[in-house]
């Protein structure tokens, strides 16, 4: 018997900057915490120069509202809707949690070539906790010359 419901949110974001840019986030409601259990990232068709992309998952202190809602689709169709909100392609400035509070949860560097991808699922019992009224966000830092670049992201969480 499962101990919680599993949800998936996915989307794409186009970035035209080599600076660290938020591309997706998940925020929790004031009544329920969530557990971040998986992340998948990918690089779409690229026009950037050779180099690497750095994906980083951070704890957030604010609740961004700009972006496109990307679901929160339950893996079990009989489950109730997710109380957390998944956004992608958002433009709101995110505030990283204060230092000393484990603000960087995960990072992965990928070659900046079309089709590069990576997924990470923490071992059972080691999921990243997202406290109530809180969240995490994923940023990407690209190498080379700025040009329109598409990134694919998928978050998996439980409640």
C-alpha atoms as a PDB file:
ATOM      1  CA  UNK A   1       0.000   0.000   0.000  1.00  0.00           C
ATOM      2  CA  UNK A   2       1.463   3.396  -0.953  1.00  0.00           C
ATOM      3  CA  UNK A   3       2.072   5.843   1.854  1.00  0.00           C
ATOM      4  CA  UNK A   4       1.410   8.910  -0.299  1.00  0.00           C
ATOM      5  CA  UNK A   5       0.241  10.078  -3.699  1.00  0.00           C
ATOM      6  CA  UNK A   6       2.830  10.689  -6.431  1.00  0.00           C
ATOM      7  CA  UNK A   7       2.525  13.638  -8.854  1.00  0.00           C
ATOM      8  CA  UNK A   8       4.417  14.666 -11.983  1.00  0.00           C
ATOM      9  CA  UNK A   9       4.804  18.106 -13.514  1.00  0.00           C
ATOM     10  CA  UNK A  10       6.617  18.768 -16.774  1.00  0.00           C
ATOM     11  CA  UNK A  11       7.337  21.595 -19.161  1.00  0.00           C
ATOM     12  CA  UNK A  12       9.875  23.358 -21.333  1.00  0.00           C
ATOM     13  CA  UNK A  13      11.566  26.715 -20.924  1.00  0.00           C
ATOM     14  CA  UNK A  14      13.397  28.789 -23.511  1.00  0.00           C
ATOM     15  CA  UNK A  15      16.341  30.763 -22.183  1.00  0.00           C
ATOM     16  CA  UNK A  16      18.382  33.425 -24.002  1.00  0.00           C
ATOM     17  CA  UNK A  17      21.009  34.065 -21.368  1.00  0.00           C
ATOM     18  CA  UNK A  18      24.235  32.502 -20.148  1.00  0.00           C
ATOM     19  CA  UNK A  19      23.509  33.703 -16.592  1.00  0.00           C
ATOM     20  CA  UNK A  20      21.834  31.426 -14.030  1.00  0.00           C
ATOM     21  CA  UNK A  21      18.147  31.465 -14.982  1.00  0.00           C
ATOM     22  CA  UNK A  22      15.226  29.845 -13.121  1.00  0.00           C
ATOM     23  CA  UNK A  23      13.322  27.461 -15.411  1.00  0.00           C
ATOM     24  CA  UNK A  24      10.953  25.579 -13.066  1.00  0.00           C
ATOM     25  CA  UNK A  25       9.664  25.530  -9.501  1.00  0.00           C
ATOM     26  CA  UNK A  26       7.354  23.738  -7.126  1.00  0.00           C
ATOM     27  CA  UNK A  27       5.705  25.421  -4.144  1.00  0.00           C
ATOM     28  CA  UNK A  28       3.638  23.906  -1.372  1.00  0.00           C
ATOM     29  CA  UNK A  29       0.359  25.033   0.115  1.00  0.00           C
ATOM     30  CA  UNK A  30       0.069  26.448   3.622  1.00  0.00           C
ATOM     31  CA  UNK A  31      -1.561  23.204   4.758  1.00  0.00           C
ATOM     32  CA  UNK A  32       0.627  20.410   3.357  1.00  0.00           C
ATOM     33  CA  UNK A  33       4.303  19.720   2.890  1.00  0.00           C
ATOM     34  CA  UNK A  34       5.605  17.775  -0.099  1.00  0.00           C
ATOM     35  CA  UNK A  35       8.509  15.440  -0.750  1.00  0.00           C
ATOM     36  CA  UNK A  36      10.615  16.015  -3.848  1.00  0.00           C
ATOM     37  CA  UNK A  37      11.323  12.510  -5.130  1.00  0.00           C
ATOM     38  CA  UNK A  38      12.675  12.959  -8.652  1.00  0.00           C
ATOM     39  CA  UNK A  39      13.942  15.307 -11.310  1.00  0.00           C
ATOM     40  CA  UNK A  40      14.570  14.893 -15.032  1.00  0.00           C
ATOM     41  CA  UNK A  41      16.303  17.522 -17.167  1.00  0.00           C
ATOM     42  CA  UNK A  42      17.088  17.621 -20.844  1.00  0.00           C
ATOM     43  CA  UNK A  43      18.509  19.918 -23.480  1.00  0.00           C
ATOM     44  CA  UNK A  44      16.444  20.540 -26.598  1.00  0.00           C
ATOM     45  CA  UNK A  45      17.786  21.690 -29.971  1.00  0.00           C
ATOM     46  CA  UNK A  46      20.810  23.836 -29.198  1.00  0.00           C
ATOM     47  CA  UNK A  47      22.393  26.782 -30.942  1.00  0.00           C
ATOM     48  CA  UNK A  48      24.833  27.557 -28.126  1.00  0.00           C
ATOM     49  CA  UNK A  49      28.575  27.261 -28.485  1.00  0.00           C
ATOM     50  CA  UNK A  50      30.321  24.156 -27.172  1.00  0.00           C
ATOM     51  CA  UNK A  51      30.415  23.873 -23.398  1.00  0.00           C
ATOM     52  CA  UNK A  52      28.318  22.609 -20.511  1.00  0.00           C
ATOM     53  CA  UNK A  53      25.020  23.514 -18.841  1.00  0.00           C
ATOM     54  CA  UNK A  54      24.808  23.494 -15.054  1.00  0.00           C
ATOM     55  CA  UNK A  55      21.393  22.580 -13.615  1.00  0.00           C
ATOM     56  CA  UNK A  56      20.908  23.390  -9.905  1.00  0.00           C
ATOM     57  CA  UNK A  57      17.971  22.704  -7.581  1.00  0.00           C
ATOM     58  CA  UNK A  58      17.638  25.291  -4.787  1.00  0.00           C
ATOM     59  CA  UNK A  59      15.407  25.836  -1.759  1.00  0.00           C
ATOM     60  CA  UNK A  60      13.364  28.991  -2.192  1.00  0.00           C
ATOM     61  CA  UNK A  61      12.177  31.501   0.406  1.00  0.00           C
ATOM     62  CA  UNK A  62       9.542  33.163  -1.769  1.00  0.00           C
ATOM     63  CA  UNK A  63       6.540  31.901  -3.713  1.00  0.00           C
ATOM     64  CA  UNK A  64       6.851  32.892  -7.354  1.00  0.00           C
ATOM     65  CA  UNK A  65       3.580  33.306  -9.229  1.00  0.00           C
ATOM     66  CA  UNK A  66       4.839  33.994 -12.744  1.00  0.00           C
ATOM     67  CA  UNK A  67       5.165  31.041 -15.090  1.00  0.00           C
ATOM     68  CA  UNK A  68       3.152  28.359 -16.789  1.00  0.00           C
ATOM     69  CA  UNK A  69       1.390  25.754 -14.647  1.00  0.00           C
ATOM     70  CA  UNK A  70       2.708  22.340 -15.616  1.00  0.00           C
ATOM     71  CA  UNK A  71       0.317  19.959 -14.024  1.00  0.00           C
ATOM     72  CA  UNK A  72       0.711  18.097 -10.870  1.00  0.00           C
ATOM     73  CA  UNK A  73      -0.801  15.129 -12.594  1.00  0.00           C
ATOM     74  CA  UNK A  74      -1.321  12.210 -10.209  1.00  0.00           C
ATOM     75  CA  UNK A  75       0.265   8.899 -11.175  1.00  0.00           C
ATOM     76  CA  UNK A  76      -2.925   7.259  -9.858  1.00  0.00           C
ATOM     77  CA  UNK A  77      -5.892   8.744 -11.709  1.00  0.00           C
ATOM     78  CA  UNK A  78      -8.096   8.162  -8.637  1.00  0.00           C
ATOM     79  CA  UNK A  79      -5.900  10.404  -6.447  1.00  0.00           C
ATOM     80  CA  UNK A  80      -7.007  13.813  -5.306  1.00  0.00           C
ATOM     81  CA  UNK A  81      -5.427  16.833  -6.993  1.00  0.00           C
ATOM     82  CA  UNK A  82      -2.020  17.971  -5.800  1.00  0.00           C
ATOM     83  CA  UNK A  83      -1.955  20.800  -3.280  1.00  0.00           C
ATOM     84  CA  UNK A  84       1.473  21.871  -4.577  1.00  0.00           C
ATOM     85  CA  UNK A  85       1.999  24.066  -7.626  1.00  0.00           C
ATOM     86  CA  UNK A  86       4.485  23.273 -10.398  1.00  0.00           C
ATOM     87  CA  UNK A  87       5.494  26.183 -12.650  1.00  0.00           C
ATOM     88  CA  UNK A  88       7.883  26.289 -15.571  1.00  0.00           C
ATOM     89  CA  UNK A  89       9.228  29.039 -17.831  1.00  0.00           C
ATOM     90  CA  UNK A  90       8.737  31.537 -15.009  1.00  0.00           C
ATOM     91  CA  UNK A  91      10.372  34.942 -14.953  1.00  0.00           C
ATOM     92  CA  UNK A  92      10.005  35.879 -11.280  1.00  0.00           C
ATOM     93  CA  UNK A  93      13.139  36.457  -9.243  1.00  0.00           C
ATOM     94  CA  UNK A  94      13.587  33.632  -6.765  1.00  0.00           C
ATOM     95  CA  UNK A  95      15.074  34.176  -3.341  1.00  0.00           C
ATOM     96  CA  UNK A  96      17.479  31.446  -2.226  1.00  0.00           C
ATOM     97  CA  UNK A  97      17.157  30.324   1.398  1.00  0.00           C
ATOM     98  CA  UNK A  98      19.788  31.728   3.768  1.00  0.00           C
ATOM     99  CA  UNK A  99      23.184  30.057   3.774  1.00  0.00           C
ATOM    100  CA  UNK A 100      23.579  27.320   6.325  1.00  0.00           C
ATOM    101  CA  UNK A 101      20.158  25.827   5.566  1.00  0.00           C
ATOM    102  CA  UNK A 102      21.216  23.363   2.857  1.00  0.00           C
ATOM    103  CA  UNK A 103      19.937  25.630   0.115  1.00  0.00           C
ATOM    104  CA  UNK A 104      21.540  23.712  -2.788  1.00  0.00           C
ATOM    105  CA  UNK A 105      19.811  20.328  -2.990  1.00  0.00           C
ATOM    106  CA  UNK A 106      21.083  18.898  -6.278  1.00  0.00           C
ATOM    107  CA  UNK A 107      23.186  19.832  -9.294  1.00  0.00           C
ATOM    108  CA  UNK A 108      24.202  18.217 -12.555  1.00  0.00           C
ATOM    109  CA  UNK A 109      26.368  19.445 -15.383  1.00  0.00           C
ATOM    110  CA  UNK A 110      25.476  18.255 -18.895  1.00  0.00           C
ATOM    111  CA  UNK A 111      27.215  18.735 -22.219  1.00  0.00           C
ATOM    112  CA  UNK A 112      25.487  21.501 -24.134  1.00  0.00           C
ATOM    113  CA  UNK A 113      24.436  19.327 -27.055  1.00  0.00           C
ATOM    114  CA  UNK A 114      20.998  18.449 -28.357  1.00  0.00           C
ATOM    115  CA  UNK A 115      19.529  15.459 -26.554  1.00  0.00           C
ATOM    116  CA  UNK A 116      21.684  15.524 -23.397  1.00  0.00           C
ATOM    117  CA  UNK A 117      19.595  14.437 -20.418  1.00  0.00           C
ATOM    118  CA  UNK A 118      19.836  13.280 -16.812  1.00  0.00           C
ATOM    119  CA  UNK A 119      17.501  12.031 -14.122  1.00  0.00           C
ATOM    120  CA  UNK A 120      17.926  11.745 -10.383  1.00  0.00           C
ATOM    121  CA  UNK A 121      15.752   9.912  -7.880  1.00  0.00           C
ATOM    122  CA  UNK A 122      16.963  10.056  -4.258  1.00  0.00           C
ATOM    123  CA  UNK A 123      16.870   6.663  -2.490  1.00  0.00           C
ATOM    124  CA  UNK A 124      13.580   5.880  -0.730  1.00  0.00           C
ATOM    125  CA  UNK A 125      13.521   7.641   2.625  1.00  0.00           C
ATOM    126  CA  UNK A 126      15.962  10.349   1.488  1.00  0.00           C
ATOM    127  CA  UNK A 127      13.544  12.553  -0.453  1.00  0.00           C
ATOM    128  CA  UNK A 128      13.975  16.324  -0.247  1.00  0.00           C
ATOM    129  CA  UNK A 129      11.344  17.750   2.101  1.00  0.00           C
ATOM    130  CA  UNK A 130       9.543  20.896   0.934  1.00  0.00           C
ATOM    131  CA  UNK A 131       8.021  22.490   4.066  1.00  0.00           C
ATOM    132  CA  UNK A 132       4.579  24.121   4.010  1.00  0.00           C
ATOM    133  CA  UNK A 133       4.443  27.525   2.278  1.00  0.00           C
ATOM    134  CA  UNK A 134       7.864  26.915   0.764  1.00  0.00           C
ATOM    135  CA  UNK A 135       9.366  25.627  -2.431  1.00  0.00           C
ATOM    136  CA  UNK A 136      12.294  24.656  -4.607  1.00  0.00           C
ATOM    137  CA  UNK A 137      13.362  25.956  -7.986  1.00  0.00           C
ATOM    138  CA  UNK A 138      15.612  24.728 -10.773  1.00  0.00           C
ATOM    139  CA  UNK A 139      18.061  27.073 -12.464  1.00  0.00           C
ATOM    140  CA  UNK A 140      20.262  26.540 -15.502  1.00  0.00           C
ATOM    141  CA  UNK A 141      23.570  28.235 -16.286  1.00  0.00           C
ATOM    142  CA  UNK A 142      24.655  27.875 -19.905  1.00  0.00           C
ATOM    143  CA  UNK A 143      28.133  28.218 -21.399  1.00  0.00           C
ATOM    144  CA  UNK A 144      29.053  29.975 -24.605  1.00  0.00           C
ATOM    145  CA  UNK A 145      27.250  32.656 -26.536  1.00  0.00           C
ATOM    146  CA  UNK A 146      23.694  33.562 -25.537  1.00  0.00           C
ATOM    147  CA  UNK A 147      21.055  32.306 -27.958  1.00  0.00           C
ATOM    148  CA  UNK A 148      17.590  30.838 -27.596  1.00  0.00           C
ATOM    149  CA  UNK A 149      17.952  27.431 -25.962  1.00  0.00           C
ATOM    150  CA  UNK A 150      15.150  25.080 -24.930  1.00  0.00           C
ATOM    151  CA  UNK A 151      15.333  23.019 -21.749  1.00  0.00           C
ATOM    152  CA  UNK A 152      12.986  20.230 -20.737  1.00  0.00           C
ATOM    153  CA  UNK A 153      12.231  19.648 -17.066  1.00  0.00           C
ATOM    154  CA  UNK A 154      10.101  17.177 -15.118  1.00  0.00           C
ATOM    155  CA  UNK A 155       9.584  17.152 -11.362  1.00  0.00           C
ATOM    156  CA  UNK A 156       8.174  14.207  -9.399  1.00  0.00           C
ATOM    157  CA  UNK A 157       6.861  14.753  -5.866  1.00  0.00           C
ATOM    158  CA  UNK A 158       4.689  13.083  -3.258  1.00  0.00           C
ATOM    159  CA  UNK A 159       2.224  14.434  -0.718  1.00  0.00           C
END
